Amino acid sequence: MATSDNYEYMNENSIHEDLLCPICTDPLEDPVSANECGHTFCHKCIMDTFRDMSTCPTCRRDLTLEDFHPVTIRPFLNQLNQLLVKCKWCSQINIQRGNFKDHSTNCTKVLISCPAAHLKCDWKGQRDKIQTHISECPLVKVQPMIDELNALVKQQAEQIHFLYTILDKTSKSQKKACQEYYKANGVAYCDTCKKKFTFGEHKRRLHFCPDTDFCSDCVKKYFP
């Protein structure tokens, strides 16, 4: 019987041959047709086949992947979606293939991972066992704190990137413009607190040459 990872087809012998892929001989999944010859295959099957050949698997006409397009004929797609399948997890039968995604979302026997899998919890189990695992998993308990810390680290990384961007603007090519600016104007002011700077205080401030400045006190205030 033709199967997928999550379901198997029922009444396989009654499935019309026009609904079968010539490559895998299973009912078509994401069907695509060739513009030139009209033969239809599963999208995955034709992608895998064209790694080693460039002809239609049915009629051997020379083709490229660009010659294939998704099947959009609604009655044909409806026939595929109405094929009956059996869930391999809970054994429920007579599920229309087009509705199987909704079924698997709620199936209590489908294997799922721990909500803290990204924290290296390797638990996998049936959906109806997840609450028991969550109540016992130490990583789930600390997940909110770790997620908050990760968000803080990300924010600080963005701040550091911002500061490096500013510092990069004080390159050697800009120092001359900075000196000329101070010679012409004598002083500058912090754009945030309006504190006055002289050229001698140049190293105690964070600035864009030649006319945007932030004093060290303001930098500490906004980036503690």
C-alpha atoms as a PDB file:
ATOM      1  CA  MET A   1       0.000   0.000   0.000  1.00  0.00           C
ATOM      2  CA  ALA A   2       1.252   3.476  -0.872  1.00  0.00           C
ATOM      3  CA  THR A   3       2.258   5.439   2.235  1.00  0.00           C
ATOM      4  CA  SER A   4       3.728   8.709   3.432  1.00  0.00           C
ATOM      5  CA  ASP A   5       5.530   9.426   6.684  1.00  0.00           C
ATOM      6  CA  ASN A   6       2.234  10.159   8.427  1.00  0.00           C
ATOM      7  CA  TYR A   7      -0.513   8.305   6.584  1.00  0.00           C
ATOM      8  CA  GLU A   8      -1.264   5.415   4.272  1.00  0.00           C
ATOM      9  CA  TYR A   9      -3.808   5.283   1.480  1.00  0.00           C
ATOM     10  CA  MET A  10      -6.977   3.272   1.787  1.00  0.00           C
ATOM     11  CA  ASN A  11      -8.591   1.388  -1.096  1.00  0.00           C
ATOM     12  CA  GLU A  12      -5.379   1.652  -3.062  1.00  0.00           C
ATOM     13  CA  ASN A  13      -6.624  -0.594  -5.862  1.00  0.00           C
ATOM     14  CA  SER A  14      -9.487   1.790  -6.584  1.00  0.00           C
ATOM     15  CA  ILE A  15      -7.261   4.848  -7.110  1.00  0.00           C
ATOM     16  CA  HIS A  16      -7.378   5.816 -10.788  1.00  0.00           C
ATOM     17  CA  GLU A  17      -4.065   5.538 -12.613  1.00  0.00           C
ATOM     18  CA  ASP A  18      -4.336   9.149 -13.790  1.00  0.00           C
ATOM     19  CA  LEU A  19      -3.853  10.178 -10.165  1.00  0.00           C
ATOM     20  CA  LEU A  20      -0.619   8.198  -9.799  1.00  0.00           C
ATOM     21  CA  CYS A  21       2.885   9.511 -10.349  1.00  0.00           C
ATOM     22  CA  PRO A  22       4.707   7.515 -13.071  1.00  0.00           C
ATOM     23  CA  ILE A  23       7.943   7.782 -11.094  1.00  0.00           C
ATOM     24  CA  CYS A  24       6.999   6.727  -7.547  1.00  0.00           C
ATOM     25  CA  THR A  25       3.663   5.097  -8.541  1.00  0.00           C
ATOM     26  CA  ASP A  26       1.993   6.725  -5.507  1.00  0.00           C
ATOM     27  CA  PRO A  27      -0.822   9.290  -5.708  1.00  0.00           C
ATOM     28  CA  LEU A  28       0.546  12.607  -6.891  1.00  0.00           C
ATOM     29  CA  GLU A  29       1.876  15.068  -4.313  1.00  0.00           C
ATOM     30  CA  ASP A  30       2.221  18.725  -5.374  1.00  0.00           C
ATOM     31  CA  PRO A  31       1.720  17.697  -9.025  1.00  0.00           C
ATOM     32  CA  VAL A  32       3.567  19.447 -11.844  1.00  0.00           C
ATOM     33  CA  SER A  33       3.077  19.014 -15.594  1.00  0.00           C
ATOM     34  CA  ALA A  34       5.462  19.474 -18.504  1.00  0.00           C
ATOM     35  CA  ASN A  35       4.493  22.251 -20.897  1.00  0.00           C
ATOM     36  CA  GLU A  36       5.700  20.312 -23.945  1.00  0.00           C
ATOM     37  CA  CYS A  37       4.211  16.844 -23.426  1.00  0.00           C
ATOM     38  CA  GLY A  38       1.670  17.302 -20.627  1.00  0.00           C
ATOM     39  CA  HIS A  39       2.927  14.419 -18.483  1.00  0.00           C
ATOM     40  CA  THR A  40       2.408  14.902 -14.761  1.00  0.00           C
ATOM     41  CA  PHE A  41       4.614  13.966 -11.799  1.00  0.00           C
ATOM     42  CA  CYS A  42       5.104  14.710  -8.119  1.00  0.00           C
ATOM     43  CA  HIS A  43       7.137  17.879  -7.697  1.00  0.00           C
ATOM     44  CA  LYS A  44       9.690  16.107  -5.496  1.00  0.00           C
ATOM     45  CA  CYS A  45       9.952  13.153  -7.870  1.00  0.00           C
ATOM     46  CA  ILE A  46      10.715  15.295 -10.908  1.00  0.00           C
ATOM     47  CA  MET A  47      13.227  17.386  -8.947  1.00  0.00           C
ATOM     48  CA  ASP A  48      15.058  14.229  -7.865  1.00  0.00           C
ATOM     49  CA  THR A  49      14.894  12.700 -11.346  1.00  0.00           C
ATOM     50  CA  PHE A  50      16.340  15.760 -13.075  1.00  0.00           C
ATOM     51  CA  ARG A  51      19.498  15.508 -11.012  1.00  0.00           C
ATOM     52  CA  ASP A  52      20.572  12.665 -13.304  1.00  0.00           C
ATOM     53  CA  MET A  53      18.642  13.228 -16.532  1.00  0.00           C
ATOM     54  CA  SER A  54      16.944  15.937 -18.577  1.00  0.00           C
ATOM     55  CA  THR A  55      14.209  14.081 -20.420  1.00  0.00           C
ATOM     56  CA  CYS A  56      10.593  13.341 -19.598  1.00  0.00           C
ATOM     57  CA  PRO A  57      10.522  10.048 -17.645  1.00  0.00           C
ATOM     58  CA  THR A  58       7.449   8.988 -19.636  1.00  0.00           C
ATOM     59  CA  CYS A  59       8.083   9.980 -23.260  1.00  0.00           C
ATOM     60  CA  ARG A  60      11.834  10.816 -23.142  1.00  0.00           C
ATOM     61  CA  ARG A  61      11.357  14.236 -24.694  1.00  0.00           C
ATOM     62  CA  ASP A  62      14.179  16.658 -23.890  1.00  0.00           C
ATOM     63  CA  LEU A  63      13.046  18.981 -21.112  1.00  0.00           C
ATOM     64  CA  THR A  64      14.357  21.293 -18.421  1.00  0.00           C
ATOM     65  CA  LEU A  65      12.909  22.001 -14.997  1.00  0.00           C
ATOM     66  CA  GLU A  66      11.672  25.318 -16.368  1.00  0.00           C
ATOM     67  CA  ASP A  67       9.328  23.340 -18.639  1.00  0.00           C
ATOM     68  CA  PHE A  68       7.282  22.150 -15.643  1.00  0.00           C
ATOM     69  CA  HIS A  69       4.527  24.123 -13.960  1.00  0.00           C
ATOM     70  CA  PRO A  70       2.193  23.383 -11.020  1.00  0.00           C
ATOM     71  CA  VAL A  71      -1.099  21.735 -11.891  1.00  0.00           C
ATOM     72  CA  THR A  72      -3.941  24.166 -11.195  1.00  0.00           C
ATOM     73  CA  ILE A  73      -6.924  22.274 -12.627  1.00  0.00           C
ATOM     74  CA  ARG A  74      -9.321  22.342  -9.683  1.00  0.00           C
ATOM     75  CA  PRO A  75     -11.324  19.141 -10.419  1.00  0.00           C
ATOM     76  CA  PHE A  76      -8.073  17.177 -10.714  1.00  0.00           C
ATOM     77  CA  LEU A  77      -6.708  18.593  -7.456  1.00  0.00           C
ATOM     78  CA  ASN A  78     -10.029  17.909  -5.743  1.00  0.00           C
ATOM     79  CA  GLN A  79      -9.789  14.248  -6.701  1.00  0.00           C
ATOM     80  CA  LEU A  80      -6.363  14.046  -5.080  1.00  0.00           C
ATOM     81  CA  ASN A  81      -7.519  15.872  -1.957  1.00  0.00           C
ATOM     82  CA  GLN A  82     -10.511  13.557  -1.596  1.00  0.00           C
ATOM     83  CA  LEU A  83      -8.433  10.381  -1.520  1.00  0.00           C
ATOM     84  CA  LEU A  84      -9.013   8.579   1.778  1.00  0.00           C
ATOM     85  CA  VAL A  85      -6.083   7.909   4.088  1.00  0.00           C
ATOM     86  CA  LYS A  86      -5.407   6.305   7.454  1.00  0.00           C
ATOM     87  CA  CYS A  87      -3.362   8.130  10.091  1.00  0.00           C
ATOM     88  CA  LYS A  88      -0.263   6.096  10.966  1.00  0.00           C
ATOM     89  CA  TRP A  89      -0.164   7.590  14.454  1.00  0.00           C
ATOM     90  CA  CYS A  90      -3.689   7.156  15.798  1.00  0.00           C
ATOM     91  CA  SER A  91      -5.043   4.714  13.169  1.00  0.00           C
ATOM     92  CA  GLN A  92      -8.055   6.902  12.380  1.00  0.00           C
ATOM     93  CA  ILE A  93      -9.439   5.963   8.970  1.00  0.00           C
ATOM     94  CA  ASN A  94     -11.354   7.660   6.153  1.00  0.00           C
ATOM     95  CA  ILE A  95      -9.581  10.998   6.444  1.00  0.00           C
ATOM     96  CA  GLN A  96      -9.557  12.966   3.212  1.00  0.00           C
ATOM     97  CA  ARG A  97      -5.964  13.640   2.226  1.00  0.00           C
ATOM     98  CA  GLY A  98      -6.688  17.333   1.807  1.00  0.00           C
ATOM     99  CA  ASN A  99      -7.806  17.475   5.449  1.00  0.00           C
ATOM    100  CA  PHE A 100      -4.931  15.476   6.878  1.00  0.00           C
ATOM    101  CA  LYS A 101      -2.896  18.535   7.831  1.00  0.00           C
ATOM    102  CA  ASP A 102      -5.739  19.697  10.083  1.00  0.00           C
ATOM    103  CA  HIS A 103      -5.996  16.210  11.554  1.00  0.00           C
ATOM    104  CA  SER A 104      -2.272  15.993  12.313  1.00  0.00           C
ATOM    105  CA  THR A 105      -2.397  19.362  14.086  1.00  0.00           C
ATOM    106  CA  ASN A 106      -4.757  17.876  16.664  1.00  0.00           C
ATOM    107  CA  CYS A 107      -3.817  14.189  16.572  1.00  0.00           C
ATOM    108  CA  THR A 108      -2.964  13.130  20.122  1.00  0.00           C
ATOM    109  CA  LYS A 109      -0.577  10.404  18.962  1.00  0.00           C
ATOM    110  CA  VAL A 110       1.640  12.459  16.653  1.00  0.00           C
ATOM    111  CA  LEU A 111       5.248  12.715  17.818  1.00  0.00           C
ATOM    112  CA  ILE A 112       6.241  16.228  18.879  1.00  0.00           C
ATOM    113  CA  SER A 113       9.296  17.787  20.506  1.00  0.00           C
ATOM    114  CA  CYS A 114       9.661  19.508  23.846  1.00  0.00           C
ATOM    115  CA  PRO A 115       8.915  23.273  23.789  1.00  0.00           C
ATOM    116  CA  ALA A 116      12.474  23.690  25.071  1.00  0.00           C
ATOM    117  CA  ALA A 117      14.031  21.724  22.206  1.00  0.00           C
ATOM    118  CA  HIS A 118      16.024  24.823  21.226  1.00  0.00           C
ATOM    119  CA  LEU A 119      17.623  24.591  24.677  1.00  0.00           C
ATOM    120  CA  LYS A 120      18.839  21.064  23.860  1.00  0.00           C
ATOM    121  CA  CYS A 121      16.029  19.061  25.455  1.00  0.00           C
ATOM    122  CA  ASP A 122      15.952  15.940  23.280  1.00  0.00           C
ATOM    123  CA  TRP A 123      12.561  14.633  24.466  1.00  0.00           C
ATOM    124  CA  LYS A 124      10.148  13.517  21.760  1.00  0.00           C
ATOM    125  CA  GLY A 125       6.837  11.890  22.452  1.00  0.00           C
ATOM    126  CA  GLN A 126       3.172  11.693  21.614  1.00  0.00           C
ATOM    127  CA  ARG A 127       1.187  14.902  21.895  1.00  0.00           C
ATOM    128  CA  ASP A 128      -0.985  13.519  24.696  1.00  0.00           C
ATOM    129  CA  LYS A 129       2.162  13.027  26.824  1.00  0.00           C
ATOM    130  CA  ILE A 130       3.518  16.553  26.442  1.00  0.00           C
ATOM    131  CA  GLN A 131       1.890  18.032  29.554  1.00  0.00           C
ATOM    132  CA  THR A 132       3.428  15.348  31.741  1.00  0.00           C
ATOM    133  CA  HIS A 133       6.836  16.058  30.252  1.00  0.00           C
ATOM    134  CA  ILE A 134       6.452  19.834  30.620  1.00  0.00           C
ATOM    135  CA  SER A 135       5.689  19.429  34.325  1.00  0.00           C
ATOM    136  CA  GLU A 136       8.960  17.525  34.773  1.00  0.00           C
ATOM    137  CA  CYS A 137      11.348  19.183  32.303  1.00  0.00           C
ATOM    138  CA  PRO A 138      13.821  21.541  34.052  1.00  0.00           C
ATOM    139  CA  LEU A 139      14.595  23.328  30.788  1.00  0.00           C
ATOM    140  CA  VAL A 140      10.943  24.289  30.310  1.00  0.00           C
ATOM    141  CA  LYS A 141      10.967  25.860  33.769  1.00  0.00           C
ATOM    142  CA  VAL A 142      13.966  28.081  33.005  1.00  0.00           C
ATOM    143  CA  GLN A 143      12.988  28.775  29.391  1.00  0.00           C
ATOM    144  CA  PRO A 144      11.327  32.189  30.088  1.00  0.00           C
ATOM    145  CA  MET A 145      14.428  33.424  31.910  1.00  0.00           C
ATOM    146  CA  ILE A 146      16.773  32.153  29.195  1.00  0.00           C
ATOM    147  CA  ASP A 147      14.625  33.684  26.459  1.00  0.00           C
ATOM    148  CA  GLU A 148      14.705  37.011  28.321  1.00  0.00           C
ATOM    149  CA  LEU A 149      18.489  36.830  28.638  1.00  0.00           C
ATOM    150  CA  ASN A 150      18.830  35.984  24.953  1.00  0.00           C
ATOM    151  CA  ALA A 151      16.699  39.008  24.082  1.00  0.00           C
ATOM    152  CA  LEU A 152      18.918  41.185  26.279  1.00  0.00           C
ATOM    153  CA  VAL A 153      22.068  39.816  24.650  1.00  0.00           C
ATOM    154  CA  LYS A 154      20.595  40.545  21.225  1.00  0.00           C
ATOM    155  CA  GLN A 155      19.749  44.096  22.275  1.00  0.00           C
ATOM    156  CA  GLN A 156      23.249  44.658  23.621  1.00  0.00           C
ATOM    157  CA  ALA A 157      24.775  43.246  20.451  1.00  0.00           C
ATOM    158  CA  GLU A 158      22.759  45.768  18.448  1.00  0.00           C
ATOM    159  CA  GLN A 159      23.938  48.563  20.738  1.00  0.00           C
ATOM    160  CA  ILE A 160      27.551  47.477  20.323  1.00  0.00           C
ATOM    161  CA  HIS A 161      27.108  47.410  16.563  1.00  0.00           C
ATOM    162  CA  PHE A 162      25.670  50.930  16.736  1.00  0.00           C
ATOM    163  CA  LEU A 163      28.625  52.143  18.775  1.00  0.00           C
ATOM    164  CA  TYR A 164      31.132  50.546  16.431  1.00  0.00           C
ATOM    165  CA  THR A 165      29.388  52.244  13.537  1.00  0.00           C
ATOM    166  CA  ILE A 166      29.828  55.589  15.254  1.00  0.00           C
ATOM    167  CA  LEU A 167      33.443  54.913  16.192  1.00  0.00           C
ATOM    168  CA  ASP A 168      34.218  53.876  12.654  1.00  0.00           C
ATOM    169  CA  LYS A 169      33.348  57.386  11.557  1.00  0.00           C
ATOM    170  CA  THR A 170      36.298  58.719  13.551  1.00  0.00           C
ATOM    171  CA  SER A 171      38.816  57.247  11.169  1.00  0.00           C
ATOM    172  CA  LYS A 172      42.066  58.933  10.199  1.00  0.00           C
ATOM    173  CA  SER A 173      40.484  60.483   7.155  1.00  0.00           C
ATOM    174  CA  GLN A 174      37.977  62.250   9.408  1.00  0.00           C
ATOM    175  CA  LYS A 175      40.372  63.505  12.065  1.00  0.00           C
ATOM    176  CA  LYS A 176      41.629  66.252   9.819  1.00  0.00           C
ATOM    177  CA  ALA A 177      38.087  67.466   9.235  1.00  0.00           C
ATOM    178  CA  CYS A 178      37.520  67.288  12.996  1.00  0.00           C
ATOM    179  CA  GLN A 179      40.542  69.474  13.721  1.00  0.00           C
ATOM    180  CA  GLU A 180      39.525  71.974  11.077  1.00  0.00           C
ATOM    181  CA  TYR A 181      36.031  72.094  12.556  1.00  0.00           C
ATOM    182  CA  TYR A 182      37.337  72.953  16.020  1.00  0.00           C
ATOM    183  CA  LYS A 183      39.775  75.526  14.675  1.00  0.00           C
ATOM    184  CA  ALA A 184      36.901  77.244  12.921  1.00  0.00           C
ATOM    185  CA  ASN A 185      34.321  76.956  15.701  1.00  0.00           C
ATOM    186  CA  GLY A 186      36.352  76.645  18.887  1.00  0.00           C
ATOM    187  CA  VAL A 187      33.768  74.531  20.707  1.00  0.00           C
ATOM    188  CA  ALA A 188      31.093  71.919  20.085  1.00  0.00           C
ATOM    189  CA  TYR A 189      28.023  70.835  22.030  1.00  0.00           C
ATOM    190  CA  CYS A 190      26.657  67.417  23.002  1.00  0.00           C
ATOM    191  CA  ASP A 191      23.559  66.854  20.896  1.00  0.00           C
ATOM    192  CA  THR A 192      21.770  65.301  23.875  1.00  0.00           C
ATOM    193  CA  CYS A 193      22.634  67.351  26.965  1.00  0.00           C
ATOM    194  CA  LYS A 194      24.139  70.389  25.176  1.00  0.00           C
ATOM    195  CA  LYS A 195      27.364  70.142  27.181  1.00  0.00           C
ATOM    196  CA  LYS A 196      30.164  72.267  25.688  1.00  0.00           C
ATOM    197  CA  PHE A 197      33.367  70.698  24.335  1.00  0.00           C
ATOM    198  CA  THR A 198      36.700  72.161  23.405  1.00  0.00           C
ATOM    199  CA  PHE A 199      39.248  70.591  21.106  1.00  0.00           C
ATOM    200  CA  GLY A 200      41.304  69.487  24.130  1.00  0.00           C
ATOM    201  CA  GLU A 201      38.375  67.389  25.313  1.00  0.00           C
ATOM    202  CA  HIS A 202      38.162  65.585  21.986  1.00  0.00           C
ATOM    203  CA  LYS A 203      38.990  62.134  23.408  1.00  0.00           C
ATOM    204  CA  ARG A 204      36.338  62.352  26.118  1.00  0.00           C
ATOM    205  CA  ARG A 205      33.421  62.397  23.743  1.00  0.00           C
ATOM    206  CA  LEU A 206      31.762  60.215  21.127  1.00  0.00           C
ATOM    207  CA  HIS A 207      31.178  62.056  17.902  1.00  0.00           C
ATOM    208  CA  PHE A 208      30.434  62.105  14.221  1.00  0.00           C
ATOM    209  CA  CYS A 209      32.897  64.311  12.416  1.00  0.00           C
ATOM    210  CA  PRO A 210      32.410  67.086  11.890  1.00  0.00           C
ATOM    211  CA  ASP A 211      29.204  68.227  13.580  1.00  0.00           C
ATOM    212  CA  THR A 212      27.418  65.575  15.671  1.00  0.00           C
ATOM    213  CA  ASP A 213      28.613  64.901  19.233  1.00  0.00           C
ATOM    214  CA  PHE A 214      27.661  62.835  22.274  1.00  0.00           C
ATOM    215  CA  CYS A 215      29.417  63.323  25.601  1.00  0.00           C
ATOM    216  CA  SER A 216      30.639  60.333  27.614  1.00  0.00           C
ATOM    217  CA  ASP A 217      28.026  60.991  30.312  1.00  0.00           C
ATOM    218  CA  CYS A 218      25.203  60.608  27.800  1.00  0.00           C
ATOM    219  CA  VAL A 219      26.736  57.460  26.365  1.00  0.00           C
ATOM    220  CA  LYS A 220      26.842  55.942  29.871  1.00  0.00           C
ATOM    221  CA  LYS A 221      23.272  57.038  30.494  1.00  0.00           C
ATOM    222  CA  TYR A 222      21.835  55.405  27.400  1.00  0.00           C
ATOM    223  CA  PHE A 223      24.231  52.441  27.345  1.00  0.00           C
ATOM    224  CA  PRO A 224      24.761  51.593  31.047  1.00  0.00           C
END
